[in-house]
Amino acid sequence: MRGVILAGGSGTRLRPLTSCSNKHLLPVASKPMIFHPIEKLVDAEITDILIVTGTEHLGSIVRCLGSGTAFGCNFTYRVQDSAGGIAQALGLAHDFCRDDLMCVVLGDNMFTGSLSEQVQAFDFQGSGAKVILKEVTELHRFGVASVDEYGNIVSIIEKPNKDEILEIRSNFPESKSYVITGIYFYDTSVFDIISSLKPSNRGELEISDVNKAYLQAGTLTHSVLYGGWTDAGTHESLYAANLMMAGK
């Protein structure tokens, strides 16, 4: 299995901290943010890792990470010329992944648990896709999956508003809503799905649309992440990430 870390984006919600730096190089618990997902992948025995970042910060990312030797892995780099969404960035992994399964992690996702069990489960699954969910109170900033009483995902909505959440709960009264964390597993059919996507109202190719395609095909599985999890994309969540990863 190959690893893909998506570390692009402009980091506008973290300005002025990101005025001169890629957000994934900001410190979290005494090390650059991006070190954490790298270490999680390597710990799960994924050692061929693609880093996707933007043109303005490629040099600083490469200077910081190097070849991967210091982490016990091998890095490949791809450049996302413009911010066109997570799915567009993932599309740049086509040649890198070849016929392999992949574990995709957003570079600002911080979590305390191991990926080893999830990697083994998807390796056994062998095809399709798997999303990792987390039960949190704040839903509106993320993709949200609603799971019915039988453990089936019944809907996926990108950054739902309150009315959309209420509508799901009225249609599926016994369902629970979870954040779809920035940890995804895909087979190589993901690239055919990405090539068929149209930009959303935000002008981006949405990863939620990728996950919906797998859901509609009946090949999407999920599991719930235990332990701490947060993104680090806002000042508040960056602060929370520092406390969590420092064990405070």
C-alpha atoms as a PDB file:
ATOM      1  CA  MET A   1       0.000   0.000   0.000  1.00  0.00           C
ATOM      2  CA  ARG A   2       1.205   3.492  -0.795  1.00  0.00           C
ATOM      3  CA  GLY A   3       0.767   6.651   1.216  1.00  0.00           C
ATOM      4  CA  VAL A   4      -0.360  10.048  -0.027  1.00  0.00           C
ATOM      5  CA  ILE A   5      -0.150  13.183   2.117  1.00  0.00           C
ATOM      6  CA  LEU A   6      -1.981  16.210   0.756  1.00  0.00           C
ATOM      7  CA  ALA A   7      -0.211  19.328   1.984  1.00  0.00           C
ATOM      8  CA  GLY A   8      -1.338  22.078  -0.355  1.00  0.00           C
ATOM      9  CA  GLY A   9      -3.791  24.901   0.132  1.00  0.00           C
ATOM     10  CA  SER A  10      -3.221  28.523   1.002  1.00  0.00           C
ATOM     11  CA  GLY A  11      -3.952  28.293   4.730  1.00  0.00           C
ATOM     12  CA  THR A  12      -6.034  31.470   4.712  1.00  0.00           C
ATOM     13  CA  ARG A  13      -7.765  30.612   7.994  1.00  0.00           C
ATOM     14  CA  LEU A  14      -4.400  30.544   9.748  1.00  0.00           C
ATOM     15  CA  ARG A  15      -3.153  33.964   8.631  1.00  0.00           C
ATOM     16  CA  PRO A  16      -0.950  35.729   9.607  1.00  0.00           C
ATOM     17  CA  LEU A  17       0.879  32.530  10.643  1.00  0.00           C
ATOM     18  CA  THR A  18       0.780  31.309   7.037  1.00  0.00           C
ATOM     19  CA  SER A  19       1.762  34.595   5.422  1.00  0.00           C
ATOM     20  CA  CYS A  20       5.341  33.341   5.073  1.00  0.00           C
ATOM     21  CA  SER A  21       4.979  29.601   5.607  1.00  0.00           C
ATOM     22  CA  ASN A  22       3.037  26.579   4.435  1.00  0.00           C
ATOM     23  CA  LYS A  23       0.655  25.678   7.261  1.00  0.00           C
ATOM     24  CA  HIS A  24       1.943  22.102   7.277  1.00  0.00           C
ATOM     25  CA  LEU A  25       5.320  23.387   8.478  1.00  0.00           C
ATOM     26  CA  LEU A  26       3.820  25.174  11.485  1.00  0.00           C
ATOM     27  CA  PRO A  27       4.855  23.534  14.775  1.00  0.00           C
ATOM     28  CA  VAL A  28       2.582  21.060  16.499  1.00  0.00           C
ATOM     29  CA  ALA A  29       3.969  19.605  19.721  1.00  0.00           C
ATOM     30  CA  SER A  30       7.570  20.653  18.981  1.00  0.00           C
ATOM     31  CA  LYS A  31       7.760  19.414  15.376  1.00  0.00           C
ATOM     32  CA  PRO A  32       6.408  20.544  12.004  1.00  0.00           C
ATOM     33  CA  MET A  33       2.766  19.570  11.578  1.00  0.00           C
ATOM     34  CA  ILE A  34       3.450  17.344   8.565  1.00  0.00           C
ATOM     35  CA  PHE A  35       5.826  15.139  10.575  1.00  0.00           C
ATOM     36  CA  HIS A  36       2.856  13.650  12.438  1.00  0.00           C
ATOM     37  CA  PRO A  37       1.018  12.040   9.467  1.00  0.00           C
ATOM     38  CA  ILE A  38       4.363  10.902   8.028  1.00  0.00           C
ATOM     39  CA  GLU A  39       5.201   9.118  11.265  1.00  0.00           C
ATOM     40  CA  LYS A  40       1.734   7.528  11.395  1.00  0.00           C
ATOM     41  CA  LEU A  41       2.144   6.106   7.882  1.00  0.00           C
ATOM     42  CA  VAL A  42       5.646   4.803   8.551  1.00  0.00           C
ATOM     43  CA  ASP A  43       4.478   3.250  11.830  1.00  0.00           C
ATOM     44  CA  ALA A  44       1.834   1.387   9.769  1.00  0.00           C
ATOM     45  CA  GLU A  45       4.637   0.116   7.478  1.00  0.00           C
ATOM     46  CA  ILE A  46       3.753   2.402   4.573  1.00  0.00           C
ATOM     47  CA  THR A  47       7.123   3.668   3.372  1.00  0.00           C
ATOM     48  CA  ASP A  48       6.483   4.869  -0.200  1.00  0.00           C
ATOM     49  CA  ILE A  49       4.867   8.245   0.358  1.00  0.00           C
ATOM     50  CA  LEU A  50       3.808  10.976  -2.057  1.00  0.00           C
ATOM     51  CA  ILE A  51       3.706  14.564  -0.801  1.00  0.00           C
ATOM     52  CA  VAL A  52       1.422  16.900  -2.791  1.00  0.00           C
ATOM     53  CA  THR A  53       1.877  20.619  -2.150  1.00  0.00           C
ATOM     54  CA  GLY A  54       1.508  23.971  -3.894  1.00  0.00           C
ATOM     55  CA  THR A  55       3.996  25.776  -6.090  1.00  0.00           C
ATOM     56  CA  GLU A  56       4.758  28.539  -3.592  1.00  0.00           C
ATOM     57  CA  HIS A  57       5.904  26.197  -0.825  1.00  0.00           C
ATOM     58  CA  LEU A  58       7.440  23.227  -2.641  1.00  0.00           C
ATOM     59  CA  GLY A  59      10.988  24.383  -1.917  1.00  0.00           C
ATOM     60  CA  SER A  60      10.441  24.778   1.825  1.00  0.00           C
ATOM     61  CA  ILE A  61       8.638  21.419   2.043  1.00  0.00           C
ATOM     62  CA  VAL A  62      11.474  19.618   0.248  1.00  0.00           C
ATOM     63  CA  ARG A  63      14.128  21.359   2.348  1.00  0.00           C
ATOM     64  CA  CYS A  64      12.333  20.305   5.494  1.00  0.00           C
ATOM     65  CA  LEU A  65      11.577  16.697   4.554  1.00  0.00           C
ATOM     66  CA  GLY A  66      14.336  15.712   2.146  1.00  0.00           C
ATOM     67  CA  SER A  67      14.286  12.266   0.560  1.00  0.00           C
ATOM     68  CA  GLY A  68      12.534  10.540   3.440  1.00  0.00           C
ATOM     69  CA  THR A  69      15.650   8.774   4.741  1.00  0.00           C
ATOM     70  CA  ALA A  70      15.393  10.532   8.098  1.00  0.00           C
ATOM     71  CA  PHE A  71      11.886   9.071   8.525  1.00  0.00           C
ATOM     72  CA  GLY A  72      12.681   5.584   7.243  1.00  0.00           C
ATOM     73  CA  CYS A  73      10.702   6.048   4.041  1.00  0.00           C
ATOM     74  CA  ASN A  74      10.933   7.300   0.452  1.00  0.00           C
ATOM     75  CA  PHE A  75       9.293  10.572  -0.608  1.00  0.00           C
ATOM     76  CA  THR A  76       8.008  11.538  -4.031  1.00  0.00           C
ATOM     77  CA  TYR A  77       6.752  15.083  -4.626  1.00  0.00           C
ATOM     78  CA  ARG A  78       4.017  16.466  -6.873  1.00  0.00           C
ATOM     79  CA  VAL A  79       2.945  20.087  -7.331  1.00  0.00           C
ATOM     80  CA  GLN A  80      -0.667  21.279  -7.355  1.00  0.00           C
ATOM     81  CA  ASP A  81      -0.496  24.353  -9.574  1.00  0.00           C
ATOM     82  CA  SER A  82      -3.638  25.930  -8.136  1.00  0.00           C
ATOM     83  CA  ALA A  83      -5.983  25.192  -5.263  1.00  0.00           C
ATOM     84  CA  GLY A  84      -8.641  23.079  -6.967  1.00  0.00           C
ATOM     85  CA  GLY A  85      -9.760  20.932  -4.070  1.00  0.00           C
ATOM     86  CA  ILE A  86      -8.691  17.770  -2.292  1.00  0.00           C
ATOM     87  CA  ALA A  87      -9.877  15.490  -5.093  1.00  0.00           C
ATOM     88  CA  GLN A  88      -7.886  17.444  -7.674  1.00  0.00           C
ATOM     89  CA  ALA A  89      -4.764  17.150  -5.525  1.00  0.00           C
ATOM     90  CA  LEU A  90      -5.320  13.418  -5.123  1.00  0.00           C
ATOM     91  CA  GLY A  91      -5.578  13.087  -8.902  1.00  0.00           C
ATOM     92  CA  LEU A  92      -1.881  13.968  -9.075  1.00  0.00           C
ATOM     93  CA  ALA A  93      -1.092  10.617  -7.415  1.00  0.00           C
ATOM     94  CA  HIS A  94      -2.162   8.597 -10.466  1.00  0.00           C
ATOM     95  CA  ASP A  95       1.287   7.658 -11.742  1.00  0.00           C
ATOM     96  CA  PHE A  96       2.685   7.244  -8.249  1.00  0.00           C
ATOM     97  CA  CYS A  97       0.086   4.733  -7.075  1.00  0.00           C
ATOM     98  CA  ARG A  98       0.088   2.603 -10.233  1.00  0.00           C
ATOM     99  CA  ASP A  99      -1.977  -0.488  -9.314  1.00  0.00           C
ATOM    100  CA  ASP A 100      -1.527  -0.204  -5.545  1.00  0.00           C
ATOM    101  CA  LEU A 101      -4.059   0.539  -2.847  1.00  0.00           C
ATOM    102  CA  MET A 102      -3.483   3.852  -1.116  1.00  0.00           C
ATOM    103  CA  CYS A 103      -3.877   5.498   2.263  1.00  0.00           C
ATOM    104  CA  VAL A 104      -4.521   9.231   1.866  1.00  0.00           C
ATOM    105  CA  VAL A 105      -4.022  11.596   4.808  1.00  0.00           C
ATOM    106  CA  LEU A 106      -4.607  15.335   4.858  1.00  0.00           C
ATOM    107  CA  GLY A 107      -1.473  16.993   6.177  1.00  0.00           C
ATOM    108  CA  ASP A 108      -3.329  19.011   8.809  1.00  0.00           C
ATOM    109  CA  ASN A 109      -5.069  16.002  10.382  1.00  0.00           C
ATOM    110  CA  MET A 110      -3.692  15.270  13.840  1.00  0.00           C
ATOM    111  CA  PHE A 111      -4.626  12.064  15.665  1.00  0.00           C
ATOM    112  CA  THR A 112      -3.218  10.057  18.542  1.00  0.00           C
ATOM    113  CA  GLY A 113      -4.107   6.508  17.499  1.00  0.00           C
ATOM    114  CA  SER A 114      -2.286   4.135  15.163  1.00  0.00           C
ATOM    115  CA  LEU A 115      -3.178   3.573  11.511  1.00  0.00           C
ATOM    116  CA  SER A 116      -1.941  -0.017  11.531  1.00  0.00           C
ATOM    117  CA  GLU A 117      -5.312  -1.664  12.161  1.00  0.00           C
ATOM    118  CA  GLN A 118      -7.030   0.482   9.508  1.00  0.00           C
ATOM    119  CA  VAL A 119      -4.298  -0.289   6.962  1.00  0.00           C
ATOM    120  CA  GLN A 120      -4.568  -4.020   7.615  1.00  0.00           C
ATOM    121  CA  ALA A 121      -8.359  -3.906   7.308  1.00  0.00           C
ATOM    122  CA  PHE A 122      -8.261  -2.158   3.941  1.00  0.00           C
ATOM    123  CA  ASP A 123      -5.507  -4.430   2.696  1.00  0.00           C
ATOM    124  CA  PHE A 124      -7.836  -7.346   3.504  1.00  0.00           C
ATOM    125  CA  GLN A 125     -10.753  -5.504   1.842  1.00  0.00           C
ATOM    126  CA  GLY A 126      -8.607  -5.274  -1.276  1.00  0.00           C
ATOM    127  CA  SER A 127     -10.721  -2.879  -3.353  1.00  0.00           C
ATOM    128  CA  GLY A 128     -13.209  -0.041  -3.151  1.00  0.00           C
ATOM    129  CA  ALA A 129     -12.792   2.649  -0.520  1.00  0.00           C
ATOM    130  CA  LYS A 130     -12.821   3.133   3.218  1.00  0.00           C
ATOM    131  CA  VAL A 131     -13.403   6.333   5.191  1.00  0.00           C
ATOM    132  CA  ILE A 132     -12.431   6.895   8.796  1.00  0.00           C
ATOM    133  CA  LEU A 133     -15.078   8.593  10.907  1.00  0.00           C
ATOM    134  CA  LYS A 134     -15.000  10.465  14.197  1.00  0.00           C
ATOM    135  CA  GLU A 135     -17.845  11.523  16.458  1.00  0.00           C
ATOM    136  CA  VAL A 136     -17.484  15.230  17.245  1.00  0.00           C
ATOM    137  CA  THR A 137     -19.883  18.046  18.097  1.00  0.00           C
ATOM    138  CA  GLU A 138     -18.718  20.489  15.418  1.00  0.00           C
ATOM    139  CA  LEU A 139     -19.905  19.246  12.019  1.00  0.00           C
ATOM    140  CA  HIS A 140     -20.256  22.261   9.761  1.00  0.00           C
ATOM    141  CA  ARG A 141     -16.548  22.546   8.815  1.00  0.00           C
ATOM    142  CA  PHE A 142     -16.233  18.998   7.500  1.00  0.00           C
ATOM    143  CA  GLY A 143     -17.666  16.308   5.296  1.00  0.00           C
ATOM    144  CA  VAL A 144     -20.270  14.443   7.314  1.00  0.00           C
ATOM    145  CA  ALA A 145     -21.403  10.819   7.041  1.00  0.00           C
ATOM    146  CA  SER A 146     -24.642   9.685   8.628  1.00  0.00           C
ATOM    147  CA  VAL A 147     -24.723   6.053   9.734  1.00  0.00           C
ATOM    148  CA  ASP A 148     -28.007   4.213  10.357  1.00  0.00           C
ATOM    149  CA  GLU A 149     -28.766   1.780  13.163  1.00  0.00           C
ATOM    150  CA  TYR A 150     -27.497  -1.115  11.039  1.00  0.00           C
ATOM    151  CA  GLY A 151     -24.074   0.463  10.589  1.00  0.00           C
ATOM    152  CA  ASN A 152     -24.636   1.584   6.995  1.00  0.00           C
ATOM    153  CA  ILE A 153     -23.677   5.022   5.690  1.00  0.00           C
ATOM    154  CA  VAL A 154     -26.919   6.536   4.410  1.00  0.00           C
ATOM    155  CA  SER A 155     -25.695   9.977   3.352  1.00  0.00           C
ATOM    156  CA  ILE A 156     -22.570  12.053   2.817  1.00  0.00           C
ATOM    157  CA  ILE A 157     -22.786  15.841   2.833  1.00  0.00           C
ATOM    158  CA  GLU A 158     -19.947  18.333   2.488  1.00  0.00           C
ATOM    159  CA  LYS A 159     -20.048  20.995   5.220  1.00  0.00           C
ATOM    160  CA  PRO A 160     -23.754  20.613   6.027  1.00  0.00           C
ATOM    161  CA  ASN A 161     -25.795  23.395   7.548  1.00  0.00           C
ATOM    162  CA  LYS A 162     -28.214  22.832  10.429  1.00  0.00           C
ATOM    163  CA  ASP A 163     -31.201  22.339   8.134  1.00  0.00           C
ATOM    164  CA  GLU A 164     -29.401  19.605   6.208  1.00  0.00           C
ATOM    165  CA  ILE A 165     -28.489  17.805   9.430  1.00  0.00           C
ATOM    166  CA  LEU A 166     -32.093  18.029  10.637  1.00  0.00           C
ATOM    167  CA  GLU A 167     -33.334  16.669   7.300  1.00  0.00           C
ATOM    168  CA  ILE A 168     -31.046  13.645   7.575  1.00  0.00           C
ATOM    169  CA  ARG A 169     -32.225  12.955  11.097  1.00  0.00           C
ATOM    170  CA  SER A 170     -35.861  13.208  10.063  1.00  0.00           C
ATOM    171  CA  ASN A 171     -35.311  10.770   7.185  1.00  0.00           C
ATOM    172  CA  PHE A 172     -33.171   8.414   9.279  1.00  0.00           C
ATOM    173  CA  PRO A 173     -34.293   8.913  12.896  1.00  0.00           C
ATOM    174  CA  GLU A 174     -31.909   6.313  14.311  1.00  0.00           C
ATOM    175  CA  SER A 175     -28.847   7.553  12.441  1.00  0.00           C
ATOM    176  CA  LYS A 176     -25.757   9.179  13.933  1.00  0.00           C
ATOM    177  CA  SER A 177     -23.677  11.819  12.186  1.00  0.00           C
ATOM    178  CA  TYR A 178     -19.898  11.610  12.108  1.00  0.00           C
ATOM    179  CA  VAL A 179     -17.167  13.779  10.696  1.00  0.00           C
ATOM    180  CA  ILE A 180     -15.289  12.126   7.847  1.00  0.00           C
ATOM    181  CA  THR A 181     -11.725  12.641   8.994  1.00  0.00           C
ATOM    182  CA  GLY A 182      -8.994  13.439   6.516  1.00  0.00           C
ATOM    183  CA  ILE A 183      -7.951   9.770   6.445  1.00  0.00           C
ATOM    184  CA  TYR A 184      -9.134   7.866   3.374  1.00  0.00           C
ATOM    185  CA  PHE A 185      -8.352   4.550   1.688  1.00  0.00           C
ATOM    186  CA  TYR A 186      -8.901   4.016  -2.047  1.00  0.00           C
ATOM    187  CA  ASP A 187      -8.200   1.612  -4.844  1.00  0.00           C
ATOM    188  CA  THR A 188      -7.021   2.981  -8.184  1.00  0.00           C
ATOM    189  CA  SER A 189     -10.556   3.369  -9.536  1.00  0.00           C
ATOM    190  CA  VAL A 190     -10.512   6.630  -7.581  1.00  0.00           C
ATOM    191  CA  PHE A 191      -8.714   8.249 -10.516  1.00  0.00           C
ATOM    192  CA  ASP A 192     -11.533   7.381 -12.938  1.00  0.00           C
ATOM    193  CA  ILE A 193     -13.989   8.882 -10.465  1.00  0.00           C
ATOM    194  CA  ILE A 194     -11.937  12.056 -10.109  1.00  0.00           C
ATOM    195  CA  SER A 195     -11.696  12.467 -13.877  1.00  0.00           C
ATOM    196  CA  SER A 196     -15.509  12.404 -14.080  1.00  0.00           C
ATOM    197  CA  LEU A 197     -16.126  15.016 -11.386  1.00  0.00           C
ATOM    198  CA  LYS A 198     -17.382  18.525 -12.004  1.00  0.00           C
ATOM    199  CA  PRO A 199     -16.385  21.452  -9.767  1.00  0.00           C
ATOM    200  CA  SER A 200     -18.698  22.261  -6.878  1.00  0.00           C
ATOM    201  CA  ASN A 201     -20.164  25.665  -6.142  1.00  0.00           C
ATOM    202  CA  ARG A 202     -16.838  26.459  -4.497  1.00  0.00           C
ATOM    203  CA  GLY A 203     -15.077  25.817  -7.805  1.00  0.00           C
ATOM    204  CA  GLU A 204     -13.306  22.732  -6.426  1.00  0.00           C
ATOM    205  CA  LEU A 205     -13.348  18.986  -6.978  1.00  0.00           C
ATOM    206  CA  GLU A 206     -14.772  17.726  -3.699  1.00  0.00           C
ATOM    207  CA  ILE A 207     -13.516  14.604  -1.954  1.00  0.00           C
ATOM    208  CA  SER A 208     -17.058  14.091  -0.646  1.00  0.00           C
ATOM    209  CA  ASP A 209     -18.178  13.539  -4.254  1.00  0.00           C
ATOM    210  CA  VAL A 210     -15.510  10.848  -4.592  1.00  0.00           C
ATOM    211  CA  ASN A 211     -16.791   9.138  -1.453  1.00  0.00           C
ATOM    212  CA  LYS A 212     -20.387   9.412  -2.666  1.00  0.00           C
ATOM    213  CA  ALA A 213     -19.436   7.633  -5.884  1.00  0.00           C
ATOM    214  CA  TYR A 214     -18.051   4.696  -3.924  1.00  0.00           C
ATOM    215  CA  LEU A 215     -21.131   4.750  -1.679  1.00  0.00           C
ATOM    216  CA  GLN A 216     -23.440   4.585  -4.673  1.00  0.00           C
ATOM    217  CA  ALA A 217     -21.390   1.713  -6.098  1.00  0.00           C
ATOM    218  CA  GLY A 218     -21.737  -0.188  -2.817  1.00  0.00           C
ATOM    219  CA  THR A 219     -17.965  -0.393  -2.323  1.00  0.00           C
ATOM    220  CA  LEU A 220     -17.495   2.108   0.525  1.00  0.00           C
ATOM    221  CA  THR A 221     -16.750   0.853   4.032  1.00  0.00           C
ATOM    222  CA  HIS A 222     -16.007   2.801   7.174  1.00  0.00           C
ATOM    223  CA  SER A 223     -14.688   2.547  10.684  1.00  0.00           C
ATOM    224  CA  VAL A 224     -14.653   4.887  13.664  1.00  0.00           C
ATOM    225  CA  LEU A 225     -11.357   6.378  14.820  1.00  0.00           C
ATOM    226  CA  TYR A 226     -10.621   6.033  18.504  1.00  0.00           C
ATOM    227  CA  GLY A 227      -8.339   8.321  20.455  1.00  0.00           C
ATOM    228  CA  GLY A 228      -7.867  12.025  19.878  1.00  0.00           C
ATOM    229  CA  TRP A 229      -8.412  13.680  16.517  1.00  0.00           C
ATOM    230  CA  THR A 230      -8.570  17.228  15.206  1.00  0.00           C
ATOM    231  CA  ASP A 231      -7.683  19.115  12.100  1.00  0.00           C
ATOM    232  CA  ALA A 232      -5.269  22.012  12.551  1.00  0.00           C
ATOM    233  CA  GLY A 233      -6.698  24.378   9.976  1.00  0.00           C
ATOM    234  CA  THR A 234      -7.851  27.214  12.221  1.00  0.00           C
ATOM    235  CA  HIS A 235      -6.185  29.069  15.074  1.00  0.00           C
ATOM    236  CA  GLU A 236      -8.458  27.325  17.581  1.00  0.00           C
ATOM    237  CA  SER A 237      -7.907  23.837  16.187  1.00  0.00           C
ATOM    238  CA  LEU A 238      -4.146  24.412  15.819  1.00  0.00           C
ATOM    239  CA  TYR A 239      -4.023  25.261  19.512  1.00  0.00           C
ATOM    240  CA  ALA A 240      -6.109  22.164  20.298  1.00  0.00           C
ATOM    241  CA  ALA A 241      -3.808  20.032  18.130  1.00  0.00           C
ATOM    242  CA  ASN A 242      -0.758  21.220  20.066  1.00  0.00           C
ATOM    243  CA  LEU A 243      -2.343  20.320  23.384  1.00  0.00           C
ATOM    244  CA  MET A 244      -3.545  16.934  22.134  1.00  0.00           C
ATOM    245  CA  MET A 245      -0.302  15.831  20.483  1.00  0.00           C
ATOM    246  CA  ALA A 246       1.692  17.012  23.496  1.00  0.00           C
ATOM    247  CA  GLY A 247      -0.520  14.825  25.704  1.00  0.00           C
ATOM    248  CA  LYS A 248      -1.980  17.695  27.707  1.00  0.00           C
END
